[in-house]
PDB file of N, CA and C in Angstrom:
ATOM      1  N   UNK A   1      39.446 -19.730  63.096  1.00  0.00           N
ATOM      2  CA  UNK A   1      39.667 -18.655  62.207  1.00  0.00           C
ATOM      3  C   UNK A   1      41.035 -18.763  61.582  1.00  0.00           C
ATOM      4  N   UNK A   2      41.026 -18.506  60.308  1.00  0.00           N
ATOM      5  CA  UNK A   2      42.307 -18.516  59.623  1.00  0.00           C
ATOM      6  C   UNK A   2      42.772 -17.082  59.407  1.00  0.00           C
ATOM      7  N   UNK A   3      43.999 -16.957  59.455  1.00  0.00           N
ATOM      8  CA  UNK A   3      44.584 -15.645  59.300  1.00  0.00           C
ATOM      9  C   UNK A   3      44.848 -15.399  57.811  1.00  0.00           C
ATOM     10  N   UNK A   4      44.380 -14.262  57.287  1.00  0.00           N
ATOM     11  CA  UNK A   4      44.598 -13.949  55.874  1.00  0.00           C
ATOM     12  C   UNK A   4      45.933 -13.226  55.722  1.00  0.00           C
ATOM     13  N   UNK A   5      46.613 -13.616  54.691  1.00  0.00           N
ATOM     14  CA  UNK A   5      47.896 -12.972  54.383  1.00  0.00           C
ATOM     15  C   UNK A   5      47.642 -11.808  53.425  1.00  0.00           C
ATOM     16  N   UNK A   6      48.383 -10.741  53.607  1.00  0.00           N
ATOM     17  CA  UNK A   6      48.290  -9.620  52.670  1.00  0.00           C
ATOM     18  C   UNK A   6      48.969 -10.020  51.371  1.00  0.00           C
ATOM     19  N   UNK A   7      48.205  -9.907  50.289  1.00  0.00           N
ATOM     20  CA  UNK A   7      48.777 -10.254  48.992  1.00  0.00           C
ATOM     21  C   UNK A   7      49.526  -9.054  48.433  1.00  0.00           C
ATOM     22  N   UNK A   8      50.639  -9.329  47.837  1.00  0.00           N
ATOM     23  CA  UNK A   8      51.387  -8.279  47.176  1.00  0.00           C
ATOM     24  C   UNK A   8      51.712  -8.763  45.767  1.00  0.00           C
ATOM     25  N   UNK A   9      51.562  -7.865  44.737  1.00  0.00           N
ATOM     26  CA  UNK A   9      51.889  -8.201  43.354  1.00  0.00           C
ATOM     27  C   UNK A   9      50.711  -8.824  42.625  1.00  0.00           C
ATOM     28  N   UNK A  10      51.000  -9.328  41.429  1.00  0.00           N
ATOM     29  CA  UNK A  10      49.980  -9.917  40.567  1.00  0.00           C
ATOM     30  C   UNK A  10      50.066 -11.428  40.647  1.00  0.00           C
ATOM     31  N   UNK A  11      48.940 -12.074  40.385  1.00  0.00           N
ATOM     32  CA  UNK A  11      48.958 -13.532  40.321  1.00  0.00           C
ATOM     33  C   UNK A  11      49.446 -13.949  38.937  1.00  0.00           C
ATOM     34  N   UNK A  12      49.811 -15.179  38.790  1.00  0.00           N
ATOM     35  CA  UNK A  12      50.298 -15.704  37.512  1.00  0.00           C
ATOM     36  C   UNK A  12      49.192 -15.616  36.465  1.00  0.00           C
ATOM     37  N   UNK A  13      47.976 -15.913  36.854  1.00  0.00           N
ATOM     38  CA  UNK A  13      46.840 -15.863  35.932  1.00  0.00           C
ATOM     39  C   UNK A  13      46.653 -14.442  35.385  1.00  0.00           C
ATOM     40  N   UNK A  14      46.746 -13.449  36.211  1.00  0.00           N
ATOM     41  CA  UNK A  14      46.585 -12.059  35.776  1.00  0.00           C
ATOM     42  C   UNK A  14      47.684 -11.663  34.790  1.00  0.00           C
ATOM     43  N   UNK A  15      48.892 -12.060  35.052  1.00  0.00           N
ATOM     44  CA  UNK A  15      50.003 -11.745  34.151  1.00  0.00           C
ATOM     45  C   UNK A  15      49.823 -12.431  32.804  1.00  0.00           C
ATOM     46  N   UNK A  16      49.365 -13.666  32.784  1.00  0.00           N
ATOM     47  CA  UNK A  16      49.130 -14.392  31.521  1.00  0.00           C
ATOM     48  C   UNK A  16      48.043 -13.695  30.712  1.00  0.00           C
ATOM     49  N   UNK A  17      46.980 -13.257  31.362  1.00  0.00           N
ATOM     50  CA  UNK A  17      45.897 -12.554  30.669  1.00  0.00           C
ATOM     51  C   UNK A  17      46.415 -11.240  30.076  1.00  0.00           C
ATOM     52  N   UNK A  18      47.197 -10.501  30.824  1.00  0.00           N
ATOM     53  CA  UNK A  18      47.738  -9.226  30.333  1.00  0.00           C
ATOM     54  C   UNK A  18      48.652  -9.452  29.135  1.00  0.00           C
ATOM     55  N   UNK A  19      49.507 -10.470  29.200  1.00  0.00           N
ATOM     56  CA  UNK A  19      50.406 -10.779  28.081  1.00  0.00           C
ATOM     57  C   UNK A  19      49.611 -11.182  26.849  1.00  0.00           C
ATOM     58  N   UNK A  20      48.545 -11.972  27.033  1.00  0.00           N
ATOM     59  CA  UNK A  20      47.713 -12.396  25.902  1.00  0.00           C
ATOM     60  C   UNK A  20      47.030 -11.197  25.248  1.00  0.00           C
ATOM     61  N   UNK A  21      46.505 -10.283  26.039  1.00  0.00           N
ATOM     62  CA  UNK A  21      45.828  -9.099  25.488  1.00  0.00           C
ATOM     63  C   UNK A  21      46.823  -8.222  24.732  1.00  0.00           C
ATOM     64  N   UNK A  22      47.991  -8.012  25.299  1.00  0.00           N
ATOM     65  CA  UNK A  22      49.017  -7.204  24.628  1.00  0.00           C
ATOM     66  C   UNK A  22      49.451  -7.867  23.321  1.00  0.00           C
ATOM     67  N   UNK A  23      49.598  -9.181  23.313  1.00  0.00           N
ATOM     68  CA  UNK A  23      49.991  -9.898  22.096  1.00  0.00           C
ATOM     69  C   UNK A  23      48.916  -9.775  21.018  1.00  0.00           C
ATOM     70  N   UNK A  24      47.648  -9.886  21.379  1.00  0.00           N
ATOM     71  CA  UNK A  24      46.562  -9.767  20.400  1.00  0.00           C
ATOM     72  C   UNK A  24      46.518  -8.353  19.819  1.00  0.00           C
ATOM     73  N   UNK A  25      46.640  -7.359  20.674  1.00  0.00           N
ATOM     74  CA  UNK A  25      46.648  -5.974  20.186  1.00  0.00           C
ATOM     75  C   UNK A  25      47.857  -5.743  19.269  1.00  0.00           C
ATOM     76  N   UNK A  26      48.998  -6.290  19.622  1.00  0.00           N
ATOM     77  CA  UNK A  26      50.193  -6.152  18.782  1.00  0.00           C
ATOM     78  C   UNK A  26      50.024  -6.819  17.431  1.00  0.00           C
ATOM     79  N   UNK A  27      49.451  -8.010  17.383  1.00  0.00           N
ATOM     80  CA  UNK A  27      49.238  -8.710  16.110  1.00  0.00           C
ATOM     81  C   UNK A  27      48.249  -7.963  15.220  1.00  0.00           C
ATOM     82  N   UNK A  28      47.170  -7.471  15.815  1.00  0.00           N
ATOM     83  CA  UNK A  28      46.197  -6.708  15.024  1.00  0.00           C
ATOM     84  C   UNK A  28      46.850  -5.433  14.480  1.00  0.00           C
ATOM     85  N   UNK A  29      47.602  -4.749  15.311  1.00  0.00           N
ATOM     86  CA  UNK A  29      48.291  -3.540  14.860  1.00  0.00           C
ATOM     87  C   UNK A  29      49.289  -3.825  13.750  1.00  0.00           C
ATOM     88  N   UNK A  30      50.037  -4.909  13.878  1.00  0.00           N
ATOM     89  CA  UNK A  30      51.004  -5.271  12.842  1.00  0.00           C
ATOM     90  C   UNK A  30      50.307  -5.596  11.527  1.00  0.00           C
ATOM     91  N   UNK A  31      49.196  -6.319  11.590  1.00  0.00           N
ATOM     92  CA  UNK A  31      48.462  -6.660  10.367  1.00  0.00           C
ATOM     93  C   UNK A  31      47.911  -5.416   9.682  1.00  0.00           C
ATOM     94  N   UNK A  32      47.380  -4.485  10.459  1.00  0.00           N
ATOM     95  CA  UNK A  32      46.866  -3.244   9.875  1.00  0.00           C
ATOM     96  C   UNK A  32      48.008  -2.449   9.247  1.00  0.00           C
ATOM     97  N   UNK A  33      49.122  -2.338   9.927  1.00  0.00           N
ATOM     98  CA  UNK A  33      50.287  -1.622   9.405  1.00  0.00           C
ATOM     99  C   UNK A  33      50.809  -2.280   8.120  1.00  0.00           C
ATOM    100  N   UNK A  34      50.914  -3.596   8.127  1.00  0.00           N
ATOM    101  CA  UNK A  34      51.423  -4.325   6.967  1.00  0.00           C
ATOM    102  C   UNK A  34      50.483  -4.154   5.767  1.00  0.00           C
ATOM    103  N   UNK A  35      49.180  -4.217   5.996  1.00  0.00           N
ATOM    104  CA  UNK A  35      48.208  -4.048   4.923  1.00  0.00           C
ATOM    105  C   UNK A  35      48.307  -2.639   4.337  1.00  0.00           C
ATOM    106  N   UNK A  36      48.477  -1.638   5.194  1.00  0.00           N
ATOM    107  CA  UNK A  36      48.603  -0.256   4.726  1.00  0.00           C
ATOM    108  C   UNK A  36      49.878  -0.067   3.904  1.00  0.00           C
ATOM    109  N   UNK A  37      50.968  -0.685   4.319  1.00  0.00           N
ATOM    110  CA  UNK A  37      52.223  -0.588   3.563  1.00  0.00           C
ATOM    111  C   UNK A  37      52.069  -1.224   2.187  1.00  0.00           C
ATOM    112  N   UNK A  38      51.390  -2.354   2.107  1.00  0.00           N
ATOM    113  CA  UNK A  38      51.190  -3.027   0.822  1.00  0.00           C
ATOM    114  C   UNK A  38      50.333  -2.171  -0.109  1.00  0.00           C
ATOM    115  N   UNK A  39      49.311  -1.510   0.433  1.00  0.00           N
ATOM    116  CA  UNK A  39      48.494  -0.617  -0.391  1.00  0.00           C
ATOM    117  C   UNK A  39      49.324   0.549  -0.897  1.00  0.00           C
ATOM    118  N   UNK A  40      50.192   1.074  -0.047  1.00  0.00           N
ATOM    119  CA  UNK A  40      51.032   2.197  -0.427  1.00  0.00           C
ATOM    120  C   UNK A  40      51.989   1.813  -1.554  1.00  0.00           C
ATOM    121  N   UNK A  41      52.582   0.637  -1.456  1.00  0.00           N
ATOM    122  CA  UNK A  41      53.495   0.173  -2.499  1.00  0.00           C
ATOM    123  C   UNK A  41      52.736  -0.049  -3.800  1.00  0.00           C
ATOM    124  N   UNK A  42      51.539  -0.612  -3.723  1.00  0.00           N
ATOM    125  CA  UNK A  42      50.736  -0.840  -4.926  1.00  0.00           C
ATOM    126  C   UNK A  42      50.361   0.484  -5.573  1.00  0.00           C
ATOM    127  N   UNK A  43      50.002   1.490  -4.768  1.00  0.00           N
ATOM    128  CA  UNK A  43      49.668   2.805  -5.315  1.00  0.00           C
ATOM    129  C   UNK A  43      50.882   3.464  -5.940  1.00  0.00           C
ATOM    130  N   UNK A  44      52.052   3.313  -5.315  1.00  0.00           N
ATOM    131  CA  UNK A  44      53.277   3.881  -5.878  1.00  0.00           C
ATOM    132  C   UNK A  44      53.614   3.241  -7.214  1.00  0.00           C
ATOM    133  N   UNK A  45      53.432   1.924  -7.317  1.00  0.00           N
ATOM    134  CA  UNK A  45      53.715   1.233  -8.578  1.00  0.00           C
ATOM    135  C   UNK A  45      52.746   1.679  -9.654  1.00  0.00           C
ATOM    136  N   UNK A  46      51.459   1.848  -9.306  1.00  0.00           N
ATOM    137  CA  UNK A  46      50.470   2.304 -10.270  1.00  0.00           C
ATOM    138  C   UNK A  46      50.794   3.714 -10.731  1.00  0.00           C
ATOM    139  N   UNK A  47      51.153   4.576  -9.798  1.00  0.00           N
ATOM    140  CA  UNK A  47      51.505   5.946 -10.143  1.00  0.00           C
ATOM    141  C   UNK A  47      52.749   5.979 -11.015  1.00  0.00           C
ATOM    142  N   UNK A  48      53.746   5.163 -10.690  1.00  0.00           N
ATOM    143  CA  UNK A  48      54.966   5.107 -11.497  1.00  0.00           C
ATOM    144  C   UNK A  48      54.665   4.630 -12.908  1.00  0.00           C
ATOM    145  N   UNK A  49      53.801   3.641 -13.029  1.00  0.00           N
ATOM    146  CA  UNK A  49      53.427   3.122 -14.343  1.00  0.00           C
ATOM    147  C   UNK A  49      52.718   4.197 -15.149  1.00  0.00           C
ATOM    148  N   UNK A  50      51.826   4.951 -14.505  1.00  0.00           N
ATOM    149  CA  UNK A  50      51.114   6.017 -15.198  1.00  0.00           C
ATOM    150  C   UNK A  50      52.074   7.121 -15.629  1.00  0.00           C
ATOM    151  N   UNK A  51      53.026   7.466 -14.792  1.00  0.00           N
ATOM    152  CA  UNK A  51      53.988   8.510 -15.130  1.00  0.00           C
ATOM    153  C   UNK A  51      54.852   8.073 -16.305  1.00  0.00           C
ATOM    154  N   UNK A  52      55.300   6.829 -16.292  1.00  0.00           N
ATOM    155  CA  UNK A  52      56.121   6.318 -17.390  1.00  0.00           C
ATOM    156  C   UNK A  52      55.326   6.325 -18.681  1.00  0.00           C
ATOM    157  N   UNK A  53      54.055   5.934 -18.617  1.00  0.00           N
ATOM    158  CA  UNK A  53      53.218   5.935 -19.811  1.00  0.00           C
ATOM    159  C   UNK A  53      53.017   7.351 -20.340  1.00  0.00           C
ATOM    160  N   UNK A  54      52.807   8.316 -19.442  1.00  0.00           N
ATOM    161  CA  UNK A  54      52.655   9.704 -19.868  1.00  0.00           C
ATOM    162  C   UNK A  54      53.937  10.237 -20.478  1.00  0.00           C
ATOM    163  N   UNK A  55      55.072   9.904 -19.880  1.00  0.00           N
ATOM    164  CA  UNK A  55      56.347  10.372 -20.411  1.00  0.00           C
ATOM    165  C   UNK A  55      56.637   9.745 -21.760  1.00  0.00           C
ATOM    166  N   UNK A  56      56.260   8.491 -21.935  1.00  0.00           N
ATOM    167  CA  UNK A  56      56.498   7.831 -23.218  1.00  0.00           C
ATOM    168  C   UNK A  56      55.661   8.481 -24.314  1.00  0.00           C
ATOM    169  N   UNK A  57      54.414   8.823 -23.998  1.00  0.00           N
ATOM    170  CA  UNK A  57      53.583   9.463 -25.011  1.00  0.00           C
ATOM    171  C   UNK A  57      54.072  10.872 -25.303  1.00  0.00           C
ATOM    172  N   UNK A  58      54.590  11.564 -24.293  1.00  0.00           N
ATOM    173  CA  UNK A  58      55.104  12.907 -24.502  1.00  0.00           C
ATOM    174  C   UNK A  58      56.435  12.869 -25.239  1.00  0.00           C
ATOM    175  N   UNK A  59      57.265  11.884 -24.926  1.00  0.00           N
ATOM    176  CA  UNK A  59      58.579  11.794 -25.554  1.00  0.00           C
ATOM    177  C   UNK A  59      58.473  11.532 -27.050  1.00  0.00           C
ATOM    178  N   UNK A  60      57.439  10.840 -27.483  1.00  0.00           N
ATOM    179  CA  UNK A  60      57.311  10.570 -28.909  1.00  0.00           C
ATOM    180  C   UNK A  60      56.871  11.808 -29.673  1.00  0.00           C
ATOM    181  N   UNK A  61      56.300  12.803 -28.986  1.00  0.00           N
ATOM    182  CA  UNK A  61      55.845  14.017 -29.638  1.00  0.00           C
ATOM    183  C   UNK A  61      56.949  15.055 -29.802  1.00  0.00           C
ATOM    184  N   UNK A  62      58.082  14.869 -29.171  1.00  0.00           N
ATOM    185  CA  UNK A  62      59.153  15.859 -29.173  1.00  0.00           C
ATOM    186  C   UNK A  62      59.931  15.767 -30.485  1.00  0.00           C
ATOM    187  N   UNK A  63      60.116  16.930 -31.092  1.00  0.00           N
ATOM    188  CA  UNK A  63      60.886  16.987 -32.334  1.00  0.00           C
ATOM    189  C   UNK A  63      62.363  17.148 -32.010  1.00  0.00           C
ATOM    190  N   UNK A  64      63.203  16.661 -32.899  1.00  0.00           N
ATOM    191  CA  UNK A  64      64.636  16.859 -32.733  1.00  0.00           C
ATOM    192  C   UNK A  64      65.037  18.149 -33.435  1.00  0.00           C
ATOM    193  N   UNK A  65      66.154  18.674 -33.068  1.00  0.00           N
ATOM    194  CA  UNK A  65      66.637  19.896 -33.702  1.00  0.00           C
ATOM    195  C   UNK A  65      67.014  19.601 -35.142  1.00  0.00           C
ATOM    196  N   UNK A  66      66.588  20.449 -36.058  1.00  0.00           N
ATOM    197  CA  UNK A  66      66.914  20.201 -37.464  1.00  0.00           C
ATOM    198  C   UNK A  66      68.394  20.440 -37.739  1.00  0.00           C
ATOM    199  N   UNK A  67      68.892  19.786 -38.759  1.00  0.00           N
ATOM    200  CA  UNK A  67      70.281  19.967 -39.162  1.00  0.00           C
ATOM    201  C   UNK A  67      70.431  21.339 -39.809  1.00  0.00           C
ATOM    202  N   UNK A  68      71.478  22.021 -39.444  1.00  0.00           N
ATOM    203  CA  UNK A  68      71.695  23.379 -39.956  1.00  0.00           C
ATOM    204  C   UNK A  68      72.771  23.316 -41.034  1.00  0.00           C
ATOM    205  N   UNK A  69      72.347  23.660 -42.233  1.00  0.00           N
ATOM    206  CA  UNK A  69      73.280  23.675 -43.356  1.00  0.00           C
ATOM    207  C   UNK A  69      73.664  25.097 -43.741  1.00  0.00           C
ATOM    208  N   UNK A  70      72.802  26.051 -43.444  1.00  0.00           N
ATOM    209  CA  UNK A  70      73.117  27.437 -43.732  1.00  0.00           C
ATOM    210  C   UNK A  70      72.451  28.317 -42.678  1.00  0.00           C
ATOM    211  N   UNK A  71      72.667  29.619 -42.769  1.00  0.00           N
ATOM    212  CA  UNK A  71      72.169  30.524 -41.729  1.00  0.00           C
ATOM    213  C   UNK A  71      70.652  30.650 -41.726  1.00  0.00           C
ATOM    214  N   UNK A  72      69.988  30.362 -42.833  1.00  0.00           N
ATOM    215  CA  UNK A  72      68.523  30.473 -42.855  1.00  0.00           C
ATOM    216  C   UNK A  72      67.859  29.354 -42.040  1.00  0.00           C
ATOM    217  N   UNK A  73      68.581  28.275 -41.801  1.00  0.00           N
ATOM    218  CA  UNK A  73      68.041  27.193 -41.000  1.00  0.00           C
ATOM    219  C   UNK A  73      68.048  27.515 -39.499  1.00  0.00           C
ATOM    220  N   UNK A  74      68.748  28.559 -39.090  1.00  0.00           N
ATOM    221  CA  UNK A  74      68.817  28.906 -37.673  1.00  0.00           C
ATOM    222  C   UNK A  74      67.455  29.276 -37.097  1.00  0.00           C
ATOM    223  N   UNK A  75      66.656  30.024 -37.863  1.00  0.00           N
ATOM    224  CA  UNK A  75      65.330  30.405 -37.375  1.00  0.00           C
ATOM    225  C   UNK A  75      64.454  29.183 -37.164  1.00  0.00           C
ATOM    226  N   UNK A  76      64.521  28.262 -38.101  1.00  0.00           N
ATOM    227  CA  UNK A  76      63.741  27.027 -37.981  1.00  0.00           C
ATOM    228  C   UNK A  76      64.188  26.214 -36.774  1.00  0.00           C
ATOM    229  N   UNK A  77      65.478  26.139 -36.559  1.00  0.00           N
ATOM    230  CA  UNK A  77      66.001  25.376 -35.415  1.00  0.00           C
ATOM    231  C   UNK A  77      65.612  26.036 -34.101  1.00  0.00           C
ATOM    232  N   UNK A  78      65.689  27.357 -34.048  1.00  0.00           N
ATOM    233  CA  UNK A  78      65.326  28.054 -32.823  1.00  0.00           C
ATOM    234  C   UNK A  78      63.849  27.879 -32.503  1.00  0.00           C
ATOM    235  N   UNK A  79      63.000  27.932 -33.505  1.00  0.00           N
ATOM    236  CA  UNK A  79      61.563  27.754 -33.297  1.00  0.00           C
ATOM    237  C   UNK A  79      61.262  26.346 -32.797  1.00  0.00           C
ATOM    238  N   UNK A  80      61.919  25.355 -33.366  1.00  0.00           N
ATOM    239  CA  UNK A  80      61.715  23.969 -32.927  1.00  0.00           C
ATOM    240  C   UNK A  80      62.156  23.780 -31.492  1.00  0.00           C
ATOM    241  N   UNK A  81      63.305  24.348 -31.138  1.00  0.00           N
ATOM    242  CA  UNK A  81      63.784  24.228 -29.761  1.00  0.00           C
ATOM    243  C   UNK A  81      62.862  24.936 -28.779  1.00  0.00           C
ATOM    244  N   UNK A  82      62.325  26.090 -29.160  1.00  0.00           N
ATOM    245  CA  UNK A  82      61.419  26.811 -28.273  1.00  0.00           C
ATOM    246  C   UNK A  82      60.117  26.044 -28.071  1.00  0.00           C
ATOM    247  N   UNK A  83      59.648  25.345 -29.090  1.00  0.00           N
ATOM    248  CA  UNK A  83      58.404  24.576 -28.974  1.00  0.00           C
ATOM    249  C   UNK A  83      58.588  23.348 -28.097  1.00  0.00           C
ATOM    250  N   UNK A  84      59.719  22.680 -28.205  1.00  0.00           N
ATOM    251  CA  UNK A  84      59.906  21.445 -27.453  1.00  0.00           C
ATOM    252  C   UNK A  84      60.299  21.689 -26.017  1.00  0.00           C
ATOM    253  N   UNK A  85      60.939  22.816 -25.732  1.00  0.00           N
ATOM    254  CA  UNK A  85      61.367  23.061 -24.359  1.00  0.00           C
ATOM    255  C   UNK A  85      61.411  24.558 -24.084  1.00  0.00           C
ATOM    256  N   UNK A  86      60.268  25.143 -23.776  1.00  0.00           N
ATOM    257  CA  UNK A  86      60.264  26.584 -23.547  1.00  0.00           C
ATOM    258  C   UNK A  86      60.968  26.990 -22.255  1.00  0.00           C
ATOM    259  N   UNK A  87      61.147  26.075 -21.318  1.00  0.00           N
ATOM    260  CA  UNK A  87      61.770  26.436 -20.043  1.00  0.00           C
ATOM    261  C   UNK A  87      63.290  26.488 -20.132  1.00  0.00           C
ATOM    262  N   UNK A  88      63.864  25.901 -21.155  1.00  0.00           N
ATOM    263  CA  UNK A  88      65.313  25.930 -21.309  1.00  0.00           C
ATOM    264  C   UNK A  88      66.033  24.863 -20.522  1.00  0.00           C
ATOM    265  N   UNK A  89      65.292  23.882 -19.979  1.00  0.00           N
ATOM    266  CA  UNK A  89      65.956  22.865 -19.164  1.00  0.00           C
ATOM    267  C   UNK A  89      66.546  21.733 -20.005  1.00  0.00           C
ATOM    268  N   UNK A  90      66.187  21.659 -21.280  1.00  0.00           N
ATOM    269  CA  UNK A  90      66.718  20.603 -22.136  1.00  0.00           C
ATOM    270  C   UNK A  90      67.956  21.138 -22.836  1.00  0.00           C
ATOM    271  N   UNK A  91      69.109  20.833 -22.319  1.00  0.00           N
ATOM    272  CA  UNK A  91      70.351  21.392 -22.840  1.00  0.00           C
ATOM    273  C   UNK A  91      70.919  20.593 -24.000  1.00  0.00           C
ATOM    274  N   UNK A  92      70.431  19.378 -24.232  1.00  0.00           N
ATOM    275  CA  UNK A  92      71.016  18.571 -25.306  1.00  0.00           C
ATOM    276  C   UNK A  92      70.704  19.170 -26.666  1.00  0.00           C
ATOM    277  N   UNK A  93      69.477  19.661 -26.870  1.00  0.00           N
ATOM    278  CA  UNK A  93      69.147  20.288 -28.146  1.00  0.00           C
ATOM    279  C   UNK A  93      69.895  21.602 -28.312  1.00  0.00           C
ATOM    280  N   UNK A  94      69.987  22.361 -27.242  1.00  0.00           N
ATOM    281  CA  UNK A  94      70.684  23.637 -27.316  1.00  0.00           C
ATOM    282  C   UNK A  94      72.167  23.426 -27.598  1.00  0.00           C
ATOM    283  N   UNK A  95      72.766  22.411 -26.984  1.00  0.00           N
ATOM    284  CA  UNK A  95      74.180  22.149 -27.250  1.00  0.00           C
ATOM    285  C   UNK A  95      74.378  21.627 -28.664  1.00  0.00           C
ATOM    286  N   UNK A  96      73.399  20.866 -29.163  1.00  0.00           N
ATOM    287  CA  UNK A  96      73.479  20.395 -30.554  1.00  0.00           C
ATOM    288  C   UNK A  96      73.434  21.588 -31.505  1.00  0.00           C
ATOM    289  N   UNK A  97      72.534  22.516 -31.212  1.00  0.00           N
ATOM    290  CA  UNK A  97      72.429  23.705 -32.042  1.00  0.00           C
ATOM    291  C   UNK A  97      73.695  24.542 -31.962  1.00  0.00           C
ATOM    292  N   UNK A  98      74.240  24.688 -30.788  1.00  0.00           N
ATOM    293  CA  UNK A  98      75.475  25.461 -30.620  1.00  0.00           C
ATOM    294  C   UNK A  98      76.636  24.834 -31.381  1.00  0.00           C
ATOM    295  N   UNK A  99      76.738  23.504 -31.344  1.00  0.00           N
ATOM    296  CA  UNK A  99      77.840  22.841 -32.055  1.00  0.00           C
ATOM    297  C   UNK A  99      77.698  22.980 -33.563  1.00  0.00           C
ATOM    298  N   UNK A 100      76.450  23.008 -34.029  1.00  0.00           N
ATOM    299  CA  UNK A 100      76.254  23.148 -35.478  1.00  0.00           C
ATOM    300  C   UNK A 100      76.461  24.574 -35.950  1.00  0.00           C
ATOM    301  N   UNK A 101      76.155  25.547 -35.076  1.00  0.00           N
ATOM    302  CA  UNK A 101      76.346  26.948 -35.475  1.00  0.00           C
ATOM    303  C   UNK A 101      77.781  27.418 -35.273  1.00  0.00           C
ATOM    304  N   UNK A 102      78.586  26.649 -34.627  1.00  0.00           N
ATOM    305  CA  UNK A 102      79.964  27.068 -34.385  1.00  0.00           C
ATOM    306  C   UNK A 102      80.758  27.200 -35.692  1.00  0.00           C
ATOM    307  N   UNK A 103      80.342  26.490 -36.722  1.00  0.00           N
ATOM    308  CA  UNK A 103      81.065  26.520 -38.003  1.00  0.00           C
ATOM    309  C   UNK A 103      80.742  27.764 -38.821  1.00  0.00           C
ATOM    310  N   UNK A 104      79.689  28.523 -38.459  1.00  0.00           N
ATOM    311  CA  UNK A 104      79.294  29.669 -39.257  1.00  0.00           C
ATOM    312  C   UNK A 104      80.002  30.915 -38.831  1.00  0.00           C
TER     313      UNK A 104
END
């Protein structure tokens, strides 16, 4: 009869199998993550391109403030400014109008 020794710990074969499984799961996870990031970047570029195209089409429709030569032109200038920017966030036209009316 041979005496059996109590085994403690893992065998080398078991550790190699565990490392291989963890490596495969890690590679699959990395590939899925990388593919998702690439899709996200492509969608962001498409969205940015669409936004730029929309802004370009909108920017060409915007009228500039008319030149003010007399006080009767003020109504026309105010109407144009109200049509192009009703929210008041475009200060360049308003400052242009203010500089032209300063002489009156």
